[in-house]
Amino acid sequence: MKKIALSLLVAGASLMAADGAALYKKCAACHGANAEKAALGKSAVIQGMDAATIATSLKGYKAGTLNKNGMGALMKGQVASYSDADIEAVAAYVAGLK
């Protein structure tokens, strides 16, 4: 019985795990499908950045402490609903784009 309960718990956690690809869909309009664009002609291209750098930036935007190229308010709105797990998932997804 314990094995079944543990299996259900692991399966449930997997279903609740953040999906970086799904989360990135709202980013793609400005950053491009493969993160290849400078958003609104202002940002750095995020394709090729490592996950840690992306996550740090997203957390800074969410906290309202980062305002690169005047994009702070816009980006804060974009990531306001993201949990830390969401941020890590989208950062890992973007870091894997080529």
PDB file of N, CA and C in Angstrom:
ATOM      1  N   MET A   1       0.821  -1.201   0.000  1.00  0.00           N
ATOM      2  CA  MET A   1       0.000   0.000   0.000  1.00  0.00           C
ATOM      3  C   MET A   1       0.863   1.262   0.000  1.00  0.00           C
ATOM      4  N   LYS A   2       1.973   1.213   0.756  1.00  0.00           N
ATOM      5  CA  LYS A   2       2.862   2.377   0.796  1.00  0.00           C
ATOM      6  C   LYS A   2       3.450   2.658  -0.578  1.00  0.00           C
ATOM      7  N   LYS A   3       3.765   1.608  -1.334  1.00  0.00           N
ATOM      8  CA  LYS A   3       4.340   1.787  -2.666  1.00  0.00           C
ATOM      9  C   LYS A   3       3.340   2.458  -3.597  1.00  0.00           C
ATOM     10  N   ILE A   4       2.072   2.077  -3.486  1.00  0.00           N
ATOM     11  CA  ILE A   4       1.036   2.682  -4.326  1.00  0.00           C
ATOM     12  C   ILE A   4       0.876   4.157  -3.972  1.00  0.00           C
ATOM     13  N   ALA A   5       0.833   4.466  -2.689  1.00  0.00           N
ATOM     14  CA  ALA A   5       0.680   5.855  -2.258  1.00  0.00           C
ATOM     15  C   ALA A   5       1.869   6.694  -2.722  1.00  0.00           C
ATOM     16  N   LEU A   6       3.070   6.138  -2.602  1.00  0.00           N
ATOM     17  CA  LEU A   6       4.257   6.855  -3.037  1.00  0.00           C
ATOM     18  C   LEU A   6       4.243   7.075  -4.542  1.00  0.00           C
ATOM     19  N   SER A   7       3.810   6.082  -5.300  1.00  0.00           N
ATOM     20  CA  SER A   7       3.713   6.202  -6.753  1.00  0.00           C
ATOM     21  C   SER A   7       2.734   7.295  -7.145  1.00  0.00           C
ATOM     22  N   LEU A   8       1.605   7.343  -6.464  1.00  0.00           N
ATOM     23  CA  LEU A   8       0.603   8.380  -6.746  1.00  0.00           C
ATOM     24  C   LEU A   8       1.139   9.759  -6.397  1.00  0.00           C
ATOM     25  N   LEU A   9       1.886   9.861  -5.312  1.00  0.00           N
ATOM     26  CA  LEU A   9       2.459  11.140  -4.912  1.00  0.00           C
ATOM     27  C   LEU A   9       3.471  11.623  -5.945  1.00  0.00           C
ATOM     28  N   VAL A  10       4.334  10.753  -6.408  1.00  0.00           N
ATOM     29  CA  VAL A  10       5.336  11.109  -7.425  1.00  0.00           C
ATOM     30  C   VAL A  10       4.653  11.489  -8.731  1.00  0.00           C
ATOM     31  N   ALA A  11       3.651  10.733  -9.131  1.00  0.00           N
ATOM     32  CA  ALA A  11       2.926  11.042 -10.367  1.00  0.00           C
ATOM     33  C   ALA A  11       2.238  12.397 -10.269  1.00  0.00           C
ATOM     34  N   GLY A  12       1.644  12.683  -9.129  1.00  0.00           N
ATOM     35  CA  GLY A  12       0.980  13.971  -8.930  1.00  0.00           C
ATOM     36  C   GLY A  12       1.958  15.120  -8.976  1.00  0.00           C
ATOM     37  N   ALA A  13       3.112  14.940  -8.364  1.00  0.00           N
ATOM     38  CA  ALA A  13       4.136  15.984  -8.387  1.00  0.00           C
ATOM     39  C   ALA A  13       4.620  16.224  -9.806  1.00  0.00           C
ATOM     40  N   SER A  14       4.753  15.180 -10.594  1.00  0.00           N
ATOM     41  CA  SER A  14       5.195  15.326 -11.979  1.00  0.00           C
ATOM     42  C   SER A  14       4.180  16.106 -12.795  1.00  0.00           C
ATOM     43  N   LEU A  15       2.913  15.865 -12.551  1.00  0.00           N
ATOM     44  CA  LEU A  15       1.871  16.578 -13.286  1.00  0.00           C
ATOM     45  C   LEU A  15       1.847  18.054 -12.925  1.00  0.00           C
ATOM     46  N   MET A  16       2.249  18.365 -11.696  1.00  0.00           N
ATOM     47  CA  MET A  16       2.226  19.746 -11.242  1.00  0.00           C
ATOM     48  C   MET A  16       3.518  20.490 -11.586  1.00  0.00           C
ATOM     49  N   ALA A  17       4.522  19.783 -12.064  1.00  0.00           N
ATOM     50  CA  ALA A  17       5.792  20.417 -12.402  1.00  0.00           C
ATOM     51  C   ALA A  17       5.568  21.463 -13.497  1.00  0.00           C
ATOM     52  N   ALA A  18       6.280  22.541 -13.387  1.00  0.00           N
ATOM     53  CA  ALA A  18       6.146  23.625 -14.358  1.00  0.00           C
ATOM     54  C   ALA A  18       6.623  23.176 -15.729  1.00  0.00           C
ATOM     55  N   ASP A  19       5.902  23.582 -16.748  1.00  0.00           N
ATOM     56  CA  ASP A  19       6.234  23.253 -18.138  1.00  0.00           C
ATOM     57  C   ASP A  19       6.836  24.488 -18.801  1.00  0.00           C
ATOM     58  N   GLY A  20       8.161  24.488 -18.924  1.00  0.00           N
ATOM     59  CA  GLY A  20       8.855  25.643 -19.476  1.00  0.00           C
ATOM     60  C   GLY A  20       8.405  26.018 -20.868  1.00  0.00           C
ATOM     61  N   ALA A  21       8.142  25.024 -21.711  1.00  0.00           N
ATOM     62  CA  ALA A  21       7.705  25.307 -23.086  1.00  0.00           C
ATOM     63  C   ALA A  21       6.357  26.009 -23.088  1.00  0.00           C
ATOM     64  N   ALA A  22       5.441  25.541 -22.260  1.00  0.00           N
ATOM     65  CA  ALA A  22       4.117  26.165 -22.186  1.00  0.00           C
ATOM     66  C   ALA A  22       4.217  27.584 -21.625  1.00  0.00           C
ATOM     67  N   LEU A  23       5.038  27.754 -20.611  1.00  0.00           N
ATOM     68  CA  LEU A  23       5.204  29.077 -20.010  1.00  0.00           C
ATOM     69  C   LEU A  23       5.851  30.054 -20.986  1.00  0.00           C
ATOM     70  N   TYR A  24       6.746  29.566 -21.826  1.00  0.00           N
ATOM     71  CA  TYR A  24       7.450  30.441 -22.764  1.00  0.00           C
ATOM     72  C   TYR A  24       6.547  30.968 -23.872  1.00  0.00           C
ATOM     73  N   LYS A  25       5.428  30.349 -24.115  1.00  0.00           N
ATOM     74  CA  LYS A  25       4.554  30.770 -25.221  1.00  0.00           C
ATOM     75  C   LYS A  25       4.214  32.251 -25.155  1.00  0.00           C
ATOM     76  N   LYS A  26       3.981  32.786 -23.957  1.00  0.00           N
ATOM     77  CA  LYS A  26       3.641  34.210 -23.881  1.00  0.00           C
ATOM     78  C   LYS A  26       4.866  35.097 -24.087  1.00  0.00           C
ATOM     79  N   CYS A  27       6.053  34.539 -23.944  1.00  0.00           N
ATOM     80  CA  CYS A  27       7.303  35.279 -24.160  1.00  0.00           C
ATOM     81  C   CYS A  27       7.652  35.372 -25.646  1.00  0.00           C
ATOM     82  N   ALA A  28       7.213  34.357 -26.392  1.00  0.00           N
ATOM     83  CA  ALA A  28       7.608  34.218 -27.793  1.00  0.00           C
ATOM     84  C   ALA A  28       7.157  35.389 -28.669  1.00  0.00           C
ATOM     85  N   ALA A  29       6.079  36.039 -28.311  1.00  0.00           N
ATOM     86  CA  ALA A  29       5.597  37.164 -29.121  1.00  0.00           C
ATOM     87  C   ALA A  29       6.656  38.258 -29.243  1.00  0.00           C
ATOM     88  N   CYS A  30       7.410  38.493 -28.188  1.00  0.00           N
ATOM     89  CA  CYS A  30       8.453  39.526 -28.217  1.00  0.00           C
ATOM     90  C   CYS A  30       9.847  38.952 -28.443  1.00  0.00           C
ATOM     91  N   HIS A  31      10.141  37.806 -27.825  1.00  0.00           N
ATOM     92  CA  HIS A  31      11.489  37.244 -27.882  1.00  0.00           C
ATOM     93  C   HIS A  31      11.703  36.281 -29.046  1.00  0.00           C
ATOM     94  N   GLY A  32      10.629  35.907 -29.756  1.00  0.00           N
ATOM     95  CA  GLY A  32      10.734  34.975 -30.875  1.00  0.00           C
ATOM     96  C   GLY A  32      10.540  33.539 -30.433  1.00  0.00           C
ATOM     97  N   ALA A  33      10.132  32.699 -31.364  1.00  0.00           N
ATOM     98  CA  ALA A  33       9.837  31.298 -31.062  1.00  0.00           C
ATOM     99  C   ALA A  33      11.042  30.568 -30.483  1.00  0.00           C
ATOM    100  N   ASN A  34      12.233  30.956 -30.896  1.00  0.00           N
ATOM    101  CA  ASN A  34      13.456  30.326 -30.405  1.00  0.00           C
ATOM    102  C   ASN A  34      14.316  31.293 -29.600  1.00  0.00           C
ATOM    103  N   ALA A  35      13.683  32.324 -29.058  1.00  0.00           N
ATOM    104  CA  ALA A  35      14.360  33.331 -28.234  1.00  0.00           C
ATOM    105  C   ALA A  35      15.450  34.066 -29.003  1.00  0.00           C
ATOM    106  N   GLU A  36      15.253  34.183 -30.311  1.00  0.00           N
ATOM    107  CA  GLU A  36      16.277  34.738 -31.193  1.00  0.00           C
ATOM    108  C   GLU A  36      16.147  36.243 -31.431  1.00  0.00           C
ATOM    109  N   LYS A  37      15.123  36.874 -30.904  1.00  0.00           N
ATOM    110  CA  LYS A  37      14.886  38.295 -31.169  1.00  0.00           C
ATOM    111  C   LYS A  37      15.230  39.178 -29.974  1.00  0.00           C
ATOM    112  N   ALA A  38      15.609  40.402 -30.267  1.00  0.00           N
ATOM    113  CA  ALA A  38      15.726  41.426 -29.238  1.00  0.00           C
ATOM    114  C   ALA A  38      14.309  41.948 -29.013  1.00  0.00           C
ATOM    115  N   ALA A  39      13.741  41.674 -27.868  1.00  0.00           N
ATOM    116  CA  ALA A  39      12.344  42.032 -27.598  1.00  0.00           C
ATOM    117  C   ALA A  39      12.123  43.530 -27.761  1.00  0.00           C
ATOM    118  N   LEU A  40      11.139  43.864 -28.588  1.00  0.00           N
ATOM    119  CA  LEU A  40      10.777  45.250 -28.880  1.00  0.00           C
ATOM    120  C   LEU A  40      11.979  46.063 -29.347  1.00  0.00           C
ATOM    121  N   GLY A  41      12.969  45.373 -29.873  1.00  0.00           N
ATOM    122  CA  GLY A  41      14.174  46.043 -30.357  1.00  0.00           C
ATOM    123  C   GLY A  41      15.029  46.628 -29.251  1.00  0.00           C
ATOM    124  N   LYS A  42      14.753  46.278 -27.999  1.00  0.00           N
ATOM    125  CA  LYS A  42      15.457  46.878 -26.867  1.00  0.00           C
ATOM    126  C   LYS A  42      16.293  45.885 -26.071  1.00  0.00           C
ATOM    127  N   SER A  43      15.801  44.681 -25.904  1.00  0.00           N
ATOM    128  CA  SER A  43      16.474  43.737 -25.004  1.00  0.00           C
ATOM    129  C   SER A  43      17.635  43.035 -25.692  1.00  0.00           C
ATOM    130  N   ALA A  44      18.426  42.364 -24.894  1.00  0.00           N
ATOM    131  CA  ALA A  44      19.445  41.469 -25.442  1.00  0.00           C
ATOM    132  C   ALA A  44      18.724  40.234 -25.967  1.00  0.00           C
ATOM    133  N   VAL A  45      19.310  39.560 -26.919  1.00  0.00           N
ATOM    134  CA  VAL A  45      18.780  38.276 -27.382  1.00  0.00           C
ATOM    135  C   VAL A  45      19.045  37.272 -26.269  1.00  0.00           C
ATOM    136  N   ILE A  46      18.004  36.572 -25.835  1.00  0.00           N
ATOM    137  CA  ILE A  46      18.160  35.659 -24.707  1.00  0.00           C
ATOM    138  C   ILE A  46      18.557  34.247 -25.130  1.00  0.00           C
ATOM    139  N   GLN A  47      18.459  33.952 -26.402  1.00  0.00           N
ATOM    140  CA  GLN A  47      18.911  32.644 -26.889  1.00  0.00           C
ATOM    141  C   GLN A  47      20.405  32.516 -26.604  1.00  0.00           C
ATOM    142  N   GLY A  48      20.815  31.383 -26.064  1.00  0.00           N
ATOM    143  CA  GLY A  48      22.211  31.157 -25.760  1.00  0.00           C
ATOM    144  C   GLY A  48      22.613  31.555 -24.348  1.00  0.00           C
ATOM    145  N   MET A  49      21.730  32.248 -23.630  1.00  0.00           N
ATOM    146  CA  MET A  49      22.023  32.574 -22.229  1.00  0.00           C
ATOM    147  C   MET A  49      21.874  31.308 -21.391  1.00  0.00           C
ATOM    148  N   ASP A  50      22.611  31.247 -20.292  1.00  0.00           N
ATOM    149  CA  ASP A  50      22.480  30.090 -19.406  1.00  0.00           C
ATOM    150  C   ASP A  50      21.258  30.267 -18.502  1.00  0.00           C
ATOM    151  N   ALA A  51      20.752  29.156 -18.003  1.00  0.00           N
ATOM    152  CA  ALA A  51      19.524  29.153 -17.206  1.00  0.00           C
ATOM    153  C   ALA A  51      19.645  30.006 -15.952  1.00  0.00           C
ATOM    154  N   ALA A  52      20.803  29.987 -15.311  1.00  0.00           N
ATOM    155  CA  ALA A  52      20.979  30.758 -14.077  1.00  0.00           C
ATOM    156  C   ALA A  52      20.849  32.261 -14.335  1.00  0.00           C
ATOM    157  N   THR A  53      21.420  32.733 -15.428  1.00  0.00           N
ATOM    158  CA  THR A  53      21.345  34.155 -15.780  1.00  0.00           C
ATOM    159  C   THR A  53      19.904  34.552 -16.078  1.00  0.00           C
ATOM    160  N   ILE A  54      19.210  33.712 -16.822  1.00  0.00           N
ATOM    161  CA  ILE A  54      17.811  33.995 -17.161  1.00  0.00           C
ATOM    162  C   ILE A  54      16.952  34.008 -15.901  1.00  0.00           C
ATOM    163  N   ALA A  55      17.122  33.006 -15.050  1.00  0.00           N
ATOM    164  CA  ALA A  55      16.329  32.923 -13.819  1.00  0.00           C
ATOM    165  C   ALA A  55      16.586  34.128 -12.920  1.00  0.00           C
ATOM    166  N   THR A  56      17.832  34.530 -12.793  1.00  0.00           N
ATOM    167  CA  THR A  56      18.169  35.695 -11.966  1.00  0.00           C
ATOM    168  C   THR A  56      17.492  36.950 -12.512  1.00  0.00           C
ATOM    169  N   SER A  57      17.528  37.121 -13.820  1.00  0.00           N
ATOM    170  CA  SER A  57      16.870  38.284 -14.429  1.00  0.00           C
ATOM    171  C   SER A  57      15.366  38.247 -14.205  1.00  0.00           C
ATOM    172  N   LEU A  58      14.751  37.103 -14.448  1.00  0.00           N
ATOM    173  CA  LEU A  58      13.301  37.001 -14.269  1.00  0.00           C
ATOM    174  C   LEU A  58      12.895  37.268 -12.828  1.00  0.00           C
ATOM    175  N   LYS A  59      13.680  36.771 -11.884  1.00  0.00           N
ATOM    176  CA  LYS A  59      13.374  37.022 -10.467  1.00  0.00           C
ATOM    177  C   LYS A  59      13.536  38.502 -10.141  1.00  0.00           C
ATOM    178  N   GLY A  60      14.524  39.151 -10.732  1.00  0.00           N
ATOM    179  CA  GLY A  60      14.702  40.589 -10.543  1.00  0.00           C
ATOM    180  C   GLY A  60      13.547  41.393 -11.119  1.00  0.00           C
ATOM    181  N   TYR A  61      13.107  41.005 -12.300  1.00  0.00           N
ATOM    182  CA  TYR A  61      11.939  41.675 -12.889  1.00  0.00           C
ATOM    183  C   TYR A  61      10.708  41.467 -12.012  1.00  0.00           C
ATOM    184  N   LYS A  62      10.496  40.250 -11.552  1.00  0.00           N
ATOM    185  CA  LYS A  62       9.326  39.957 -10.719  1.00  0.00           C
ATOM    186  C   LYS A  62       9.347  40.776  -9.431  1.00  0.00           C
ATOM    187  N   ALA A  63      10.526  40.912  -8.831  1.00  0.00           N
ATOM    188  CA  ALA A  63      10.657  41.671  -7.589  1.00  0.00           C
ATOM    189  C   ALA A  63      10.601  43.179  -7.811  1.00  0.00           C
ATOM    190  N   GLY A  64      10.721  43.598  -9.077  1.00  0.00           N
ATOM    191  CA  GLY A  64      10.710  45.022  -9.379  1.00  0.00           C
ATOM    192  C   GLY A  64      12.055  45.690  -9.149  1.00  0.00           C
ATOM    193  N   THR A  65      13.114  44.899  -9.019  1.00  0.00           N
ATOM    194  CA  THR A  65      14.448  45.441  -8.760  1.00  0.00           C
ATOM    195  C   THR A  65      15.312  45.510 -10.010  1.00  0.00           C
ATOM    196  N   LEU A  66      14.802  45.060 -11.139  1.00  0.00           N
ATOM    197  CA  LEU A  66      15.554  45.062 -12.382  1.00  0.00           C
ATOM    198  C   LEU A  66      14.797  45.856 -13.436  1.00  0.00           C
ATOM    199  N   ASN A  67      15.518  46.721 -14.146  1.00  0.00           N
ATOM    200  CA  ASN A  67      14.901  47.549 -15.179  1.00  0.00           C
ATOM    201  C   ASN A  67      15.877  47.720 -16.340  1.00  0.00           C
ATOM    202  N   LYS A  68      16.246  46.620 -16.978  1.00  0.00           N
ATOM    203  CA  LYS A  68      17.165  46.695 -18.114  1.00  0.00           C
ATOM    204  C   LYS A  68      16.477  47.358 -19.296  1.00  0.00           C
ATOM    205  N   ASN A  69      17.118  48.354 -19.851  1.00  0.00           N
ATOM    206  CA  ASN A  69      16.625  49.046 -21.045  1.00  0.00           C
ATOM    207  C   ASN A  69      15.194  49.557 -20.904  1.00  0.00           C
ATOM    208  N   GLY A  70      14.795  49.911 -19.699  1.00  0.00           N
ATOM    209  CA  GLY A  70      13.459  50.440 -19.466  1.00  0.00           C
ATOM    210  C   GLY A  70      12.348  49.404 -19.568  1.00  0.00           C
ATOM    211  N   MET A  71      12.711  48.125 -19.507  1.00  0.00           N
ATOM    212  CA  MET A  71      11.721  47.057 -19.677  1.00  0.00           C
ATOM    213  C   MET A  71      11.199  46.507 -18.349  1.00  0.00           C
ATOM    214  N   GLY A  72      11.591  47.108 -17.235  1.00  0.00           N
ATOM    215  CA  GLY A  72      11.240  46.589 -15.918  1.00  0.00           C
ATOM    216  C   GLY A  72       9.745  46.432 -15.684  1.00  0.00           C
ATOM    217  N   ALA A  73       8.975  47.461 -15.947  1.00  0.00           N
ATOM    218  CA  ALA A  73       7.538  47.408 -15.677  1.00  0.00           C
ATOM    219  C   ALA A  73       6.840  46.388 -16.575  1.00  0.00           C
ATOM    220  N   LEU A  74       7.200  46.382 -17.844  1.00  0.00           N
ATOM    221  CA  LEU A  74       6.588  45.429 -18.772  1.00  0.00           C
ATOM    222  C   LEU A  74       6.917  43.999 -18.356  1.00  0.00           C
ATOM    223  N   MET A  75       8.185  43.738 -18.063  1.00  0.00           N
ATOM    224  CA  MET A  75       8.593  42.385 -17.694  1.00  0.00           C
ATOM    225  C   MET A  75       8.029  41.976 -16.337  1.00  0.00           C
ATOM    226  N   LYS A  76       7.897  42.920 -15.412  1.00  0.00           N
ATOM    227  CA  LYS A  76       7.296  42.595 -14.112  1.00  0.00           C
ATOM    228  C   LYS A  76       5.881  42.074 -14.320  1.00  0.00           C
ATOM    229  N   GLY A  77       5.143  42.705 -15.196  1.00  0.00           N
ATOM    230  CA  GLY A  77       3.792  42.238 -15.503  1.00  0.00           C
ATOM    231  C   GLY A  77       3.780  40.869 -16.147  1.00  0.00           C
ATOM    232  N   GLN A  78       4.768  40.595 -16.970  1.00  0.00           N
ATOM    233  CA  GLN A  78       4.833  39.299 -17.662  1.00  0.00           C
ATOM    234  C   GLN A  78       5.121  38.151 -16.700  1.00  0.00           C
ATOM    235  N   VAL A  79       5.948  38.383 -15.703  1.00  0.00           N
ATOM    236  CA  VAL A  79       6.359  37.293 -14.813  1.00  0.00           C
ATOM    237  C   VAL A  79       5.686  37.342 -13.440  1.00  0.00           C
ATOM    238  N   ALA A  80       4.800  38.277 -13.228  1.00  0.00           N
ATOM    239  CA  ALA A  80       4.164  38.444 -11.912  1.00  0.00           C
ATOM    240  C   ALA A  80       3.491  37.169 -11.408  1.00  0.00           C
ATOM    241  N   SER A  81       2.895  36.409 -12.300  1.00  0.00           N
ATOM    242  CA  SER A  81       2.174  35.200 -11.874  1.00  0.00           C
ATOM    243  C   SER A  81       3.067  33.965 -11.811  1.00  0.00           C
ATOM    244  N   TYR A  82       4.325  34.087 -12.202  1.00  0.00           N
ATOM    245  CA  TYR A  82       5.241  32.932 -12.199  1.00  0.00           C
ATOM    246  C   TYR A  82       5.724  32.618 -10.785  1.00  0.00           C
ATOM    247  N   SER A  83       5.667  31.354 -10.429  1.00  0.00           N
ATOM    248  CA  SER A  83       6.272  30.896  -9.178  1.00  0.00           C
ATOM    249  C   SER A  83       7.772  30.737  -9.410  1.00  0.00           C
ATOM    250  N   ASP A  84       8.515  30.476  -8.349  1.00  0.00           N
ATOM    251  CA  ASP A  84       9.946  30.220  -8.520  1.00  0.00           C
ATOM    252  C   ASP A  84      10.167  28.995  -9.405  1.00  0.00           C
ATOM    253  N   ALA A  85       9.318  27.981  -9.254  1.00  0.00           N
ATOM    254  CA  ALA A  85       9.427  26.776 -10.089  1.00  0.00           C
ATOM    255  C   ALA A  85       9.153  27.111 -11.556  1.00  0.00           C
ATOM    256  N   ASP A  86       8.179  27.990 -11.802  1.00  0.00           N
ATOM    257  CA  ASP A  86       7.883  28.424 -13.169  1.00  0.00           C
ATOM    258  C   ASP A  86       9.088  29.138 -13.774  1.00  0.00           C
ATOM    259  N   ILE A  87       9.694  30.014 -12.993  1.00  0.00           N
ATOM    260  CA  ILE A  87      10.857  30.767 -13.475  1.00  0.00           C
ATOM    261  C   ILE A  87      11.996  29.815 -13.811  1.00  0.00           C
ATOM    262  N   GLU A  88      12.254  28.866 -12.940  1.00  0.00           N
ATOM    263  CA  GLU A  88      13.329  27.896 -13.196  1.00  0.00           C
ATOM    264  C   GLU A  88      13.021  27.072 -14.440  1.00  0.00           C
ATOM    265  N   ALA A  89      11.752  26.696 -14.622  1.00  0.00           N
ATOM    266  CA  ALA A  89      11.364  25.880 -15.774  1.00  0.00           C
ATOM    267  C   ALA A  89      11.504  26.648 -17.083  1.00  0.00           C
ATOM    268  N   VAL A  90      11.045  27.872 -17.117  1.00  0.00           N
ATOM    269  CA  VAL A  90      11.149  28.657 -18.351  1.00  0.00           C
ATOM    270  C   VAL A  90      12.608  29.012 -18.637  1.00  0.00           C
ATOM    271  N   ALA A  91      13.383  29.263 -17.595  1.00  0.00           N
ATOM    272  CA  ALA A  91      14.809  29.562 -17.777  1.00  0.00           C
ATOM    273  C   ALA A  91      15.534  28.356 -18.373  1.00  0.00           C
ATOM    274  N   ALA A  92      15.227  27.168 -17.863  1.00  0.00           N
ATOM    275  CA  ALA A  92      15.848  25.947 -18.384  1.00  0.00           C
ATOM    276  C   ALA A  92      15.429  25.705 -19.834  1.00  0.00           C
ATOM    277  N   TYR A  93      14.160  25.970 -20.132  1.00  0.00           N
ATOM    278  CA  TYR A  93      13.663  25.798 -21.496  1.00  0.00           C
ATOM    279  C   TYR A  93      14.392  26.731 -22.465  1.00  0.00           C
ATOM    280  N   VAL A  94      14.471  28.008 -22.113  1.00  0.00           N
ATOM    281  CA  VAL A  94      15.129  28.986 -22.983  1.00  0.00           C
ATOM    282  C   VAL A  94      16.610  28.650 -23.145  1.00  0.00           C
ATOM    283  N   ALA A  95      17.250  28.240 -22.072  1.00  0.00           N
ATOM    284  CA  ALA A  95      18.675  27.892 -22.157  1.00  0.00           C
ATOM    285  C   ALA A  95      18.920  26.727 -23.111  1.00  0.00           C
ATOM    286  N   GLY A  96      17.925  25.894 -23.307  1.00  0.00           N
ATOM    287  CA  GLY A  96      18.061  24.757 -24.217  1.00  0.00           C
ATOM    288  C   GLY A  96      17.708  25.049 -25.658  1.00  0.00           C
ATOM    289  N   LEU A  97      17.207  26.252 -25.940  1.00  0.00           N
ATOM    290  CA  LEU A  97      16.829  26.606 -27.314  1.00  0.00           C
ATOM    291  C   LEU A  97      18.064  26.891 -28.156  1.00  0.00           C
ATOM    292  N   LYS A  98      17.996  26.486 -29.390  1.00  0.00           N
ATOM    293  CA  LYS A  98      19.102  26.754 -30.330  1.00  0.00           C
ATOM    294  C   LYS A  98      18.570  27.430 -31.576  1.00  0.00           C
TER     295      LYS A  98
END
